């Protein structure tokens, strides 16, 4: 019985970097954003729901029109909540099915909105990747070539970072003061032990 682990953190926290280290250690990672994009293109029922709510321009030549959809939900919390209510259930189902196919002691689901979407309910533990807000803004400005104001607007659509970390079982500090590799290696050992204990309990 596999141990399901969530990996979350706000925009610019560096959770993708942490996820990549786990992958090097042989742990499979489900990237929720990438999966959601595929599902929005391939899930016929979801496509129909998106078109019904956002118009036929949501798809162009049969492919998700991310630019159009992004403009629809940008700075509009009601439309963003509506889109999430359509996409999250399908992505959560896909993530559960993916997790059940894995054969490693534990596997990771990487998602910015684990708590916001309610997907933590199907996981054993959640890891939070924490970085100060100023550092997260700076990283995102450099990565996405956008303004600090645009980053702050995106942050408004996510749970408060401090509150999010309180809900996590483990925290990795990616503040450029504490190296993350030793933190991940230590956590990897803890998770292997927890996975072993879960397996023993399931066999009783």
N, C-alpha and C. Protein backbone atom coordinates (compact mmCIF):
# COMPACT_ATOMS: atom_id res chain seq x y z
N UNK A 1 0.85 -1.19 0.00
CA UNK A 1 0.00 0.00 0.00
C UNK A 1 0.89 1.25 0.00
N UNK A 2 0.80 2.03 -1.05
CA UNK A 2 1.68 3.17 -1.23
C UNK A 2 1.29 4.33 -0.30
N UNK A 3 2.30 5.10 0.09
CA UNK A 3 2.08 6.31 0.89
C UNK A 3 1.91 7.49 -0.07
N UNK A 4 0.80 8.19 0.06
CA UNK A 4 0.53 9.33 -0.81
C UNK A 4 0.96 10.62 -0.15
N UNK A 5 1.84 11.36 -0.82
CA UNK A 5 2.42 12.59 -0.25
C UNK A 5 2.07 13.78 -1.12
N UNK A 6 1.57 14.84 -0.52
CA UNK A 6 1.34 16.08 -1.24
C UNK A 6 2.56 16.99 -1.12
N UNK A 7 2.80 17.78 -2.15
CA UNK A 7 3.89 18.76 -2.13
C UNK A 7 3.31 20.08 -2.61
N UNK A 8 3.34 21.08 -1.74
CA UNK A 8 2.70 22.34 -2.09
C UNK A 8 3.53 23.53 -1.65
N UNK A 9 3.11 24.70 -2.07
CA UNK A 9 3.80 25.94 -1.74
C UNK A 9 3.29 27.02 -2.67
N UNK A 10 3.41 28.25 -2.26
CA UNK A 10 2.94 29.35 -3.07
C UNK A 10 3.79 29.57 -4.31
N UNK A 11 3.30 30.43 -5.18
CA UNK A 11 4.03 30.77 -6.40
C UNK A 11 5.44 31.25 -6.05
N UNK A 12 6.44 30.71 -6.76
CA UNK A 12 7.82 31.11 -6.53
C UNK A 12 8.49 30.49 -5.33
N UNK A 13 7.81 29.53 -4.68
CA UNK A 13 8.40 28.91 -3.48
C UNK A 13 9.52 27.94 -3.84
N UNK A 14 9.48 27.41 -5.06
CA UNK A 14 10.51 26.46 -5.48
C UNK A 14 10.10 25.02 -5.33
N UNK A 15 8.79 24.74 -5.31
CA UNK A 15 8.34 23.36 -5.12
C UNK A 15 8.72 22.47 -6.30
N UNK A 16 8.83 23.04 -7.50
CA UNK A 16 9.25 22.23 -8.65
C UNK A 16 10.70 21.77 -8.50
N UNK A 17 11.54 22.63 -7.90
CA UNK A 17 12.94 22.26 -7.64
C UNK A 17 13.00 21.12 -6.64
N UNK A 18 12.20 21.22 -5.59
CA UNK A 18 12.13 20.16 -4.57
C UNK A 18 11.62 18.87 -5.20
N UNK A 19 10.58 18.98 -6.04
CA UNK A 19 10.02 17.80 -6.71
C UNK A 19 11.07 17.12 -7.57
N UNK A 20 11.90 17.90 -8.25
CA UNK A 20 12.94 17.34 -9.11
C UNK A 20 13.96 16.54 -8.31
N UNK A 21 14.26 16.98 -7.09
CA UNK A 21 15.20 16.24 -6.24
C UNK A 21 14.60 14.90 -5.84
N UNK A 22 13.32 14.91 -5.49
CA UNK A 22 12.66 13.64 -5.16
C UNK A 22 12.69 12.69 -6.35
N UNK A 23 12.52 13.24 -7.56
CA UNK A 23 12.56 12.38 -8.76
C UNK A 23 13.94 11.76 -8.94
N UNK A 24 14.98 12.52 -8.66
CA UNK A 24 16.35 11.98 -8.74
C UNK A 24 16.53 10.83 -7.75
N UNK A 25 15.83 10.91 -6.62
CA UNK A 25 15.88 9.85 -5.60
C UNK A 25 15.01 8.64 -5.98
N UNK A 26 14.38 8.71 -7.15
CA UNK A 26 13.58 7.59 -7.63
C UNK A 26 12.13 7.62 -7.24
N UNK A 27 11.67 8.77 -6.74
CA UNK A 27 10.28 8.91 -6.32
C UNK A 27 9.46 9.54 -7.45
N UNK A 28 8.40 8.89 -7.90
CA UNK A 28 7.58 9.46 -8.97
C UNK A 28 6.79 10.69 -8.49
N UNK A 29 6.66 11.67 -9.37
CA UNK A 29 5.95 12.90 -9.02
C UNK A 29 4.84 13.17 -10.04
N UNK A 30 3.66 13.44 -9.53
CA UNK A 30 2.50 13.82 -10.36
C UNK A 30 2.42 15.35 -10.33
N UNK A 31 2.62 15.97 -11.48
CA UNK A 31 2.58 17.44 -11.57
C UNK A 31 1.15 17.86 -11.95
N UNK A 32 0.44 18.40 -10.98
CA UNK A 32 -0.99 18.67 -11.16
C UNK A 32 -1.28 19.67 -12.27
N UNK A 33 -0.46 20.71 -12.40
CA UNK A 33 -0.70 21.72 -13.43
C UNK A 33 -0.59 21.10 -14.82
N UNK A 34 0.45 20.30 -15.03
CA UNK A 34 0.64 19.65 -16.34
C UNK A 34 -0.50 18.69 -16.63
N UNK A 35 -0.90 17.95 -15.59
CA UNK A 35 -1.99 16.99 -15.75
C UNK A 35 -3.30 17.71 -16.08
N UNK A 36 -3.55 18.83 -15.40
CA UNK A 36 -4.79 19.59 -15.64
C UNK A 36 -4.87 20.07 -17.08
N UNK A 37 -3.74 20.53 -17.64
CA UNK A 37 -3.73 21.00 -19.03
C UNK A 37 -4.09 19.86 -19.99
N UNK A 38 -3.53 18.67 -19.72
CA UNK A 38 -3.84 17.52 -20.59
C UNK A 38 -5.31 17.14 -20.47
N UNK A 39 -5.81 17.13 -19.22
CA UNK A 39 -7.21 16.74 -18.99
C UNK A 39 -8.16 17.74 -19.65
N UNK A 40 -7.83 19.02 -19.58
CA UNK A 40 -8.68 20.04 -20.19
C UNK A 40 -8.74 19.89 -21.70
N UNK A 41 -7.71 19.30 -22.27
CA UNK A 41 -7.70 19.05 -23.72
C UNK A 41 -8.36 17.73 -24.08
N UNK A 42 -8.20 16.72 -23.22
CA UNK A 42 -8.59 15.35 -23.60
C UNK A 42 -9.90 14.85 -23.01
N UNK A 43 -10.35 15.44 -21.91
CA UNK A 43 -11.58 14.98 -21.25
C UNK A 43 -12.79 15.61 -21.95
N UNK A 44 -13.53 14.80 -22.68
CA UNK A 44 -14.65 15.31 -23.50
C UNK A 44 -15.71 16.01 -22.65
N UNK A 45 -16.06 15.42 -21.52
CA UNK A 45 -17.10 16.00 -20.66
C UNK A 45 -16.64 17.34 -20.10
N UNK A 46 -15.38 17.40 -19.66
CA UNK A 46 -14.85 18.65 -19.12
C UNK A 46 -14.79 19.73 -20.20
N UNK A 47 -14.40 19.34 -21.40
CA UNK A 47 -14.34 20.31 -22.51
C UNK A 47 -15.71 20.95 -22.73
N UNK A 48 -16.75 20.11 -22.73
CA UNK A 48 -18.11 20.62 -22.95
C UNK A 48 -18.52 21.60 -21.85
N UNK A 49 -18.13 21.27 -20.61
CA UNK A 49 -18.47 22.15 -19.48
C UNK A 49 -17.74 23.50 -19.58
N UNK A 50 -16.48 23.45 -19.99
CA UNK A 50 -15.69 24.69 -20.13
C UNK A 50 -16.28 25.56 -21.24
N UNK A 51 -16.63 24.95 -22.37
CA UNK A 51 -17.22 25.70 -23.48
C UNK A 51 -18.57 26.28 -23.07
N UNK A 52 -19.36 25.50 -22.33
CA UNK A 52 -20.69 25.97 -21.90
C UNK A 52 -20.58 27.19 -20.99
N UNK A 53 -19.51 27.23 -20.18
CA UNK A 53 -19.36 28.32 -19.21
C UNK A 53 -18.49 29.48 -19.68
N UNK A 54 -17.57 29.20 -20.62
CA UNK A 54 -16.64 30.26 -21.04
C UNK A 54 -16.69 30.57 -22.53
N UNK A 55 -17.54 29.86 -23.27
CA UNK A 55 -17.69 30.15 -24.69
C UNK A 55 -16.82 29.28 -25.58
N UNK A 56 -17.19 29.21 -26.85
CA UNK A 56 -16.48 28.34 -27.80
C UNK A 56 -15.04 28.79 -28.03
N UNK A 57 -14.72 30.06 -27.72
CA UNK A 57 -13.35 30.54 -27.90
C UNK A 57 -12.39 29.97 -26.87
N UNK A 58 -12.91 29.20 -25.90
CA UNK A 58 -12.04 28.56 -24.91
C UNK A 58 -11.14 27.51 -25.57
N UNK A 59 -11.54 27.08 -26.78
CA UNK A 59 -10.71 26.14 -27.55
C UNK A 59 -10.51 26.70 -28.96
N UNK A 60 -9.31 26.49 -29.48
CA UNK A 60 -8.98 26.97 -30.83
C UNK A 60 -8.40 25.79 -31.61
N UNK A 61 -9.08 25.42 -32.68
CA UNK A 61 -8.68 24.24 -33.46
C UNK A 61 -8.59 22.99 -32.59
N UNK A 62 -9.52 22.89 -31.64
CA UNK A 62 -9.59 21.71 -30.78
C UNK A 62 -8.61 21.69 -29.62
N UNK A 63 -7.82 22.75 -29.50
CA UNK A 63 -6.82 22.83 -28.42
C UNK A 63 -7.20 23.94 -27.46
N UNK A 64 -6.98 23.69 -26.18
CA UNK A 64 -7.30 24.68 -25.15
C UNK A 64 -6.65 26.02 -25.46
N UNK A 65 -7.44 27.07 -25.47
CA UNK A 65 -6.95 28.42 -25.74
C UNK A 65 -6.60 29.05 -24.39
N UNK A 66 -5.39 28.79 -23.92
CA UNK A 66 -4.98 29.20 -22.58
C UNK A 66 -4.94 30.71 -22.44
N UNK A 67 -4.57 31.39 -23.51
CA UNK A 67 -4.51 32.85 -23.48
C UNK A 67 -5.90 33.45 -23.25
N UNK A 68 -6.87 32.95 -24.00
CA UNK A 68 -8.26 33.42 -23.86
C UNK A 68 -8.80 33.12 -22.46
N UNK A 69 -8.60 31.89 -22.03
CA UNK A 69 -9.13 31.47 -20.74
C UNK A 69 -8.46 32.24 -19.60
N UNK A 70 -7.14 32.47 -19.76
CA UNK A 70 -6.41 33.23 -18.75
C UNK A 70 -6.96 34.65 -18.59
N UNK A 71 -7.30 35.27 -19.72
CA UNK A 71 -7.87 36.62 -19.66
C UNK A 71 -9.25 36.62 -19.01
N UNK A 72 -9.99 35.52 -19.20
CA UNK A 72 -11.32 35.43 -18.62
C UNK A 72 -11.27 35.38 -17.09
N UNK A 73 -10.28 34.66 -16.56
CA UNK A 73 -10.24 34.45 -15.10
C UNK A 73 -9.29 35.41 -14.39
N UNK A 74 -8.44 36.10 -15.15
CA UNK A 74 -7.46 36.99 -14.52
C UNK A 74 -8.18 38.11 -13.77
N UNK A 75 -7.86 38.20 -12.49
CA UNK A 75 -8.43 39.26 -11.64
C UNK A 75 -9.96 39.16 -11.52
N UNK A 76 -10.50 37.97 -11.77
CA UNK A 76 -11.94 37.74 -11.62
C UNK A 76 -12.12 36.48 -10.77
N UNK A 77 -12.28 36.66 -9.47
CA UNK A 77 -12.30 35.54 -8.54
C UNK A 77 -13.49 34.60 -8.78
N UNK A 78 -14.62 35.17 -9.22
CA UNK A 78 -15.79 34.34 -9.46
C UNK A 78 -15.56 33.38 -10.63
N UNK A 79 -15.01 33.92 -11.73
CA UNK A 79 -14.75 33.07 -12.90
C UNK A 79 -13.63 32.06 -12.62
N UNK A 80 -12.63 32.49 -11.84
CA UNK A 80 -11.54 31.58 -11.49
C UNK A 80 -12.08 30.43 -10.63
N UNK A 81 -12.93 30.77 -9.67
CA UNK A 81 -13.53 29.75 -8.80
C UNK A 81 -14.37 28.77 -9.62
N UNK A 82 -15.09 29.32 -10.62
CA UNK A 82 -15.91 28.48 -11.49
C UNK A 82 -15.04 27.51 -12.28
N UNK A 83 -13.96 28.03 -12.88
CA UNK A 83 -13.06 27.17 -13.66
C UNK A 83 -12.45 26.08 -12.77
N UNK A 84 -12.00 26.48 -11.58
CA UNK A 84 -11.42 25.51 -10.65
C UNK A 84 -12.42 24.43 -10.25
N UNK A 85 -13.69 24.84 -10.08
CA UNK A 85 -14.72 23.87 -9.68
C UNK A 85 -14.97 22.83 -10.78
N UNK A 86 -14.65 23.19 -12.02
CA UNK A 86 -14.79 22.25 -13.13
C UNK A 86 -13.56 21.36 -13.28
N UNK A 87 -12.38 21.97 -13.14
CA UNK A 87 -11.12 21.27 -13.43
C UNK A 87 -10.63 20.43 -12.25
N UNK A 88 -10.74 20.96 -11.03
CA UNK A 88 -10.17 20.26 -9.87
C UNK A 88 -10.70 18.84 -9.67
N UNK A 89 -12.01 18.61 -9.72
CA UNK A 89 -12.49 17.23 -9.50
C UNK A 89 -11.90 16.23 -10.49
N UNK A 90 -11.81 16.64 -11.77
CA UNK A 90 -11.26 15.75 -12.80
C UNK A 90 -9.78 15.48 -12.55
N UNK A 91 -9.05 16.51 -12.13
CA UNK A 91 -7.61 16.36 -11.87
C UNK A 91 -7.38 15.52 -10.62
N UNK A 92 -8.21 15.71 -9.60
CA UNK A 92 -8.08 14.91 -8.37
C UNK A 92 -8.31 13.43 -8.67
N UNK A 93 -9.34 13.13 -9.47
CA UNK A 93 -9.61 11.73 -9.86
C UNK A 93 -8.42 11.14 -10.61
N UNK A 94 -7.87 11.91 -11.53
CA UNK A 94 -6.73 11.45 -12.32
C UNK A 94 -5.52 11.20 -11.42
N UNK A 95 -5.31 12.09 -10.43
CA UNK A 95 -4.20 11.95 -9.50
C UNK A 95 -4.32 10.71 -8.63
N UNK A 96 -5.54 10.42 -8.20
CA UNK A 96 -5.77 9.21 -7.38
C UNK A 96 -5.48 7.95 -8.20
N UNK A 97 -5.96 7.94 -9.44
CA UNK A 97 -5.71 6.79 -10.32
C UNK A 97 -4.21 6.62 -10.58
N UNK A 98 -3.51 7.74 -10.78
CA UNK A 98 -2.07 7.70 -11.00
C UNK A 98 -1.36 7.14 -9.77
N UNK A 99 -1.75 7.61 -8.59
CA UNK A 99 -1.12 7.19 -7.34
C UNK A 99 -1.28 5.68 -7.16
N UNK A 100 -2.43 5.15 -7.51
CA UNK A 100 -2.71 3.72 -7.34
C UNK A 100 -1.86 2.85 -8.27
N UNK A 101 -1.35 3.44 -9.34
CA UNK A 101 -0.53 2.68 -10.29
C UNK A 101 0.94 2.63 -9.90
N UNK A 102 1.35 3.45 -8.93
CA UNK A 102 2.76 3.52 -8.57
C UNK A 102 3.17 2.33 -7.70
N UNK A 103 4.44 1.95 -7.79
CA UNK A 103 4.94 0.77 -7.07
C UNK A 103 6.06 1.11 -6.09
N UNK A 104 6.41 2.38 -5.96
CA UNK A 104 7.45 2.80 -5.01
C UNK A 104 6.84 2.89 -3.60
N UNK A 105 7.68 2.96 -2.54
CA UNK A 105 7.14 3.05 -1.18
C UNK A 105 6.22 4.26 -0.99
N UNK A 106 6.56 5.36 -1.62
CA UNK A 106 5.69 6.53 -1.59
C UNK A 106 5.79 7.27 -2.92
N UNK A 107 4.78 8.08 -3.21
CA UNK A 107 4.77 8.89 -4.43
C UNK A 107 4.24 10.27 -4.07
N UNK A 108 4.57 11.24 -4.91
CA UNK A 108 4.27 12.64 -4.59
C UNK A 108 3.32 13.27 -5.60
N UNK A 109 2.37 14.01 -5.06
CA UNK A 109 1.50 14.83 -5.91
C UNK A 109 1.88 16.28 -5.67
N UNK A 110 2.41 16.92 -6.70
CA UNK A 110 2.82 18.33 -6.61
C UNK A 110 1.69 19.21 -7.09
N UNK A 111 1.25 20.14 -6.23
CA UNK A 111 0.15 21.02 -6.60
C UNK A 111 0.18 22.29 -5.74
N UNK A 112 -0.04 23.43 -6.38
CA UNK A 112 -0.06 24.69 -5.65
C UNK A 112 -1.30 24.79 -4.77
N UNK A 113 -2.41 24.18 -5.23
CA UNK A 113 -3.70 24.36 -4.56
C UNK A 113 -4.20 23.09 -3.88
N UNK A 114 -3.32 22.38 -3.20
CA UNK A 114 -3.72 21.13 -2.54
C UNK A 114 -4.84 21.36 -1.54
N UNK A 115 -4.68 22.36 -0.68
CA UNK A 115 -5.70 22.61 0.35
C UNK A 115 -6.92 23.33 -0.24
N UNK A 116 -6.66 24.25 -1.16
CA UNK A 116 -7.76 24.99 -1.78
C UNK A 116 -8.71 24.06 -2.55
N UNK A 117 -8.15 23.01 -3.15
CA UNK A 117 -8.96 22.08 -3.95
C UNK A 117 -9.53 20.93 -3.11
N UNK A 118 -9.03 20.78 -1.89
CA UNK A 118 -9.49 19.69 -1.04
C UNK A 118 -8.81 18.36 -1.31
N UNK A 119 -7.77 18.36 -2.15
CA UNK A 119 -7.15 17.08 -2.53
C UNK A 119 -6.27 16.49 -1.43
N UNK A 120 -6.03 17.25 -0.33
CA UNK A 120 -5.25 16.70 0.78
C UNK A 120 -5.98 15.54 1.46
N UNK A 121 -7.31 15.47 1.25
CA UNK A 121 -8.11 14.42 1.89
C UNK A 121 -7.70 13.03 1.41
N UNK A 122 -7.18 12.94 0.19
CA UNK A 122 -6.77 11.64 -0.34
C UNK A 122 -5.30 11.35 -0.16
N UNK A 123 -4.60 12.14 0.67
CA UNK A 123 -3.16 11.99 0.86
C UNK A 123 -2.85 11.67 2.33
N UNK A 124 -1.72 11.01 2.56
CA UNK A 124 -1.31 10.67 3.93
C UNK A 124 -0.63 11.84 4.63
N UNK A 125 0.22 12.54 3.90
CA UNK A 125 0.96 13.68 4.47
C UNK A 125 1.13 14.75 3.39
N UNK A 126 1.37 15.97 3.85
CA UNK A 126 1.62 17.07 2.91
C UNK A 126 2.91 17.79 3.31
N UNK A 127 3.77 18.00 2.32
CA UNK A 127 5.01 18.76 2.50
C UNK A 127 4.78 20.17 1.99
N UNK A 128 5.16 21.16 2.76
CA UNK A 128 5.09 22.54 2.32
C UNK A 128 6.49 23.07 2.00
N UNK A 129 6.61 23.78 0.90
CA UNK A 129 7.88 24.43 0.55
C UNK A 129 7.70 25.91 0.84
N UNK A 130 8.51 26.42 1.76
CA UNK A 130 8.33 27.80 2.22
C UNK A 130 9.48 28.70 1.77
N UNK A 131 9.11 29.89 1.33
CA UNK A 131 10.08 30.95 1.03
C UNK A 131 9.42 32.28 1.37
N UNK A 132 10.19 33.27 1.84
CA UNK A 132 9.61 34.58 2.15
C UNK A 132 8.98 35.21 0.91
N UNK A 133 7.95 36.02 1.13
CA UNK A 133 7.19 36.60 0.02
C UNK A 133 8.08 37.41 -0.92
N UNK A 134 8.98 38.21 -0.39
CA UNK A 134 9.84 39.05 -1.25
C UNK A 134 10.68 38.20 -2.19
N UNK A 135 11.16 37.07 -1.68
CA UNK A 135 11.97 36.17 -2.50
C UNK A 135 11.10 35.47 -3.55
N UNK A 136 9.88 35.10 -3.18
CA UNK A 136 8.97 34.45 -4.13
C UNK A 136 8.60 35.41 -5.27
N UNK A 137 8.39 36.66 -4.91
CA UNK A 137 8.07 37.66 -5.94
C UNK A 137 9.25 37.83 -6.90
N UNK A 138 10.44 37.96 -6.33
CA UNK A 138 11.65 38.16 -7.15
C UNK A 138 11.87 36.98 -8.10
N UNK A 139 11.72 35.76 -7.58
CA UNK A 139 11.91 34.57 -8.41
C UNK A 139 10.90 34.52 -9.56
N UNK A 140 9.66 34.84 -9.25
CA UNK A 140 8.60 34.75 -10.27
C UNK A 140 8.76 35.85 -11.33
N UNK A 141 9.17 37.03 -10.91
CA UNK A 141 9.43 38.13 -11.86
C UNK A 141 10.49 37.69 -12.87
N UNK A 142 11.57 37.08 -12.35
CA UNK A 142 12.67 36.65 -13.22
C UNK A 142 12.28 35.45 -14.09
N UNK A 143 11.50 34.54 -13.51
CA UNK A 143 11.12 33.32 -14.24
C UNK A 143 10.10 33.59 -15.34
N UNK A 144 9.06 34.37 -15.01
CA UNK A 144 7.94 34.57 -15.93
C UNK A 144 8.01 35.89 -16.70
N UNK A 145 9.03 36.72 -16.41
CA UNK A 145 9.21 38.01 -17.09
C UNK A 145 7.96 38.88 -16.97
N UNK A 146 7.44 38.97 -15.74
CA UNK A 146 6.28 39.81 -15.47
C UNK A 146 6.62 40.78 -14.35
N UNK A 147 5.71 41.70 -14.08
CA UNK A 147 5.97 42.71 -13.04
C UNK A 147 5.66 42.15 -11.66
N UNK A 148 6.22 42.80 -10.65
CA UNK A 148 5.96 42.40 -9.26
C UNK A 148 4.47 42.53 -8.94
N UNK A 149 3.83 43.55 -9.53
CA UNK A 149 2.39 43.76 -9.30
C UNK A 149 1.58 42.58 -9.85
N UNK A 150 1.99 42.06 -11.00
CA UNK A 150 1.29 40.91 -11.60
C UNK A 150 1.45 39.67 -10.72
N UNK A 151 2.63 39.52 -10.13
CA UNK A 151 2.87 38.39 -9.22
C UNK A 151 1.98 38.50 -7.99
N UNK A 152 1.87 39.69 -7.45
CA UNK A 152 1.05 39.91 -6.26
C UNK A 152 -0.42 39.60 -6.54
N UNK A 153 -0.87 39.94 -7.76
CA UNK A 153 -2.26 39.62 -8.14
C UNK A 153 -2.48 38.10 -8.16
N UNK A 154 -1.49 37.36 -8.67
CA UNK A 154 -1.59 35.90 -8.69
C UNK A 154 -1.63 35.36 -7.26
N UNK A 155 -0.82 35.96 -6.40
CA UNK A 155 -0.75 35.51 -5.00
C UNK A 155 -2.09 35.67 -4.29
N UNK A 156 -2.86 36.66 -4.71
CA UNK A 156 -4.16 36.90 -4.08
C UNK A 156 -5.13 35.74 -4.32
N UNK A 157 -4.85 34.93 -5.35
CA UNK A 157 -5.72 33.79 -5.66
C UNK A 157 -5.30 32.52 -4.92
N UNK A 158 -4.23 32.63 -4.12
CA UNK A 158 -3.75 31.49 -3.36
C UNK A 158 -3.93 31.74 -1.87
N UNK A 159 -3.98 30.65 -1.12
CA UNK A 159 -4.09 30.75 0.33
C UNK A 159 -2.87 31.47 0.90
N UNK A 160 -3.10 32.22 2.00
CA UNK A 160 -1.99 32.87 2.70
C UNK A 160 -0.90 31.85 3.01
N UNK A 161 0.34 32.20 2.70
CA UNK A 161 1.44 31.23 2.79
C UNK A 161 1.66 30.71 4.22
N UNK A 162 1.58 31.60 5.20
CA UNK A 162 1.78 31.18 6.58
C UNK A 162 0.68 30.21 7.02
N UNK A 163 -0.55 30.51 6.61
CA UNK A 163 -1.67 29.62 6.95
C UNK A 163 -1.50 28.26 6.27
N UNK A 164 -1.03 28.29 5.03
CA UNK A 164 -0.83 27.04 4.29
C UNK A 164 0.21 26.17 4.98
N UNK A 165 1.30 26.78 5.44
CA UNK A 165 2.37 26.02 6.08
C UNK A 165 1.90 25.39 7.39
N UNK A 166 0.98 26.04 8.07
CA UNK A 166 0.44 25.48 9.34
C UNK A 166 -0.32 24.18 9.09
N UNK A 167 -0.86 24.03 7.89
CA UNK A 167 -1.64 22.84 7.55
C UNK A 167 -0.76 21.68 7.08
N UNK A 168 0.52 21.97 6.80
CA UNK A 168 1.43 20.94 6.29
C UNK A 168 2.03 20.11 7.42
N UNK A 169 2.34 18.86 7.10
CA UNK A 169 2.98 17.96 8.09
C UNK A 169 4.48 18.17 8.16
N UNK A 170 5.08 18.57 7.04
CA UNK A 170 6.52 18.81 6.96
C UNK A 170 6.75 20.11 6.18
N UNK A 171 7.83 20.81 6.53
CA UNK A 171 8.15 22.05 5.82
C UNK A 171 9.61 22.03 5.37
N UNK A 172 9.82 22.35 4.11
CA UNK A 172 11.17 22.53 3.56
C UNK A 172 11.36 24.02 3.35
N UNK A 173 12.41 24.56 3.92
CA UNK A 173 12.70 26.00 3.80
C UNK A 173 13.60 26.24 2.60
N UNK A 174 13.04 26.94 1.62
CA UNK A 174 13.79 27.26 0.40
C UNK A 174 14.02 28.77 0.36
N UNK A 175 14.76 29.25 1.37
CA UNK A 175 14.95 30.69 1.55
C UNK A 175 16.33 31.19 1.14
N UNK A 176 17.11 30.31 0.47
CA UNK A 176 18.46 30.62 0.01
C UNK A 176 19.42 30.85 1.17
N UNK A 177 19.02 30.46 2.36
CA UNK A 177 19.90 30.49 3.53
C UNK A 177 20.18 29.06 4.00
N UNK A 178 19.14 28.22 3.94
CA UNK A 178 19.29 26.82 4.31
C UNK A 178 19.30 25.97 3.04
N UNK A 179 20.35 25.19 2.79
CA UNK A 179 20.38 24.36 1.57
C UNK A 179 19.24 23.34 1.60
N UNK A 180 18.59 23.16 0.44
CA UNK A 180 17.41 22.29 0.42
C UNK A 180 17.75 20.81 0.29
N UNK A 181 18.90 20.48 -0.31
CA UNK A 181 19.23 19.07 -0.53
C UNK A 181 19.27 18.26 0.77
N UNK A 182 19.98 18.73 1.81
CA UNK A 182 19.96 17.95 3.07
C UNK A 182 18.56 17.82 3.66
N UNK A 183 17.74 18.85 3.49
CA UNK A 183 16.37 18.79 4.01
C UNK A 183 15.56 17.71 3.29
N UNK A 184 15.71 17.65 1.96
CA UNK A 184 14.97 16.66 1.17
C UNK A 184 15.47 15.25 1.49
N UNK A 185 16.77 15.08 1.61
CA UNK A 185 17.34 13.75 1.91
C UNK A 185 16.86 13.24 3.27
N UNK A 186 16.83 14.13 4.24
CA UNK A 186 16.35 13.77 5.58
C UNK A 186 14.87 13.38 5.54
N UNK A 187 14.10 14.16 4.82
CA UNK A 187 12.66 13.90 4.71
C UNK A 187 12.40 12.60 3.94
N UNK A 188 13.22 12.34 2.93
CA UNK A 188 13.11 11.10 2.16
C UNK A 188 13.24 9.88 3.07
N UNK A 189 14.20 9.92 3.97
CA UNK A 189 14.40 8.81 4.92
C UNK A 189 13.20 8.66 5.85
N UNK A 190 12.67 9.79 6.32
CA UNK A 190 11.49 9.75 7.19
C UNK A 190 10.29 9.14 6.46
N UNK A 191 10.12 9.53 5.20
CA UNK A 191 8.97 9.05 4.44
C UNK A 191 9.09 7.56 4.10
N UNK A 192 10.32 7.10 3.85
CA UNK A 192 10.52 5.67 3.62
C UNK A 192 10.14 4.87 4.86
N UNK A 193 10.49 5.40 6.03
CA UNK A 193 10.17 4.74 7.30
C UNK A 193 8.65 4.73 7.53
N UNK A 194 8.01 5.87 7.25
CA UNK A 194 6.55 5.96 7.41
C UNK A 194 5.83 5.02 6.44
N UNK A 195 6.38 4.91 5.23
CA UNK A 195 5.79 4.00 4.23
C UNK A 195 5.91 2.55 4.69
N UNK A 196 7.07 2.22 5.27
CA UNK A 196 7.29 0.86 5.77
C UNK A 196 6.31 0.53 6.89
N UNK A 197 6.10 1.51 7.79
CA UNK A 197 5.17 1.31 8.90
C UNK A 197 3.73 1.14 8.39
N UNK A 198 3.36 1.92 7.38
CA UNK A 198 2.01 1.80 6.81
C UNK A 198 1.81 0.42 6.21
N UNK A 199 2.84 -0.07 5.54
CA UNK A 199 2.76 -1.39 4.91
C UNK A 199 2.60 -2.48 5.97
N UNK A 200 3.34 -2.34 7.07
CA UNK A 200 3.26 -3.33 8.15
C UNK A 200 1.86 -3.34 8.77
N UNK A 201 1.32 -2.15 8.98
CA UNK A 201 -0.04 -2.03 9.56
C UNK A 201 -1.08 -2.64 8.64
N UNK A 202 -0.93 -2.40 7.33
CA UNK A 202 -1.91 -2.92 6.36
C UNK A 202 -1.89 -4.43 6.27
N UNK A 203 -0.76 -5.05 6.65
CA UNK A 203 -0.63 -6.51 6.56
C UNK A 203 -1.16 -7.21 7.79
N UNK A 204 -1.40 -6.45 8.86
CA UNK A 204 -1.88 -7.06 10.11
C UNK A 204 -3.34 -7.49 9.99
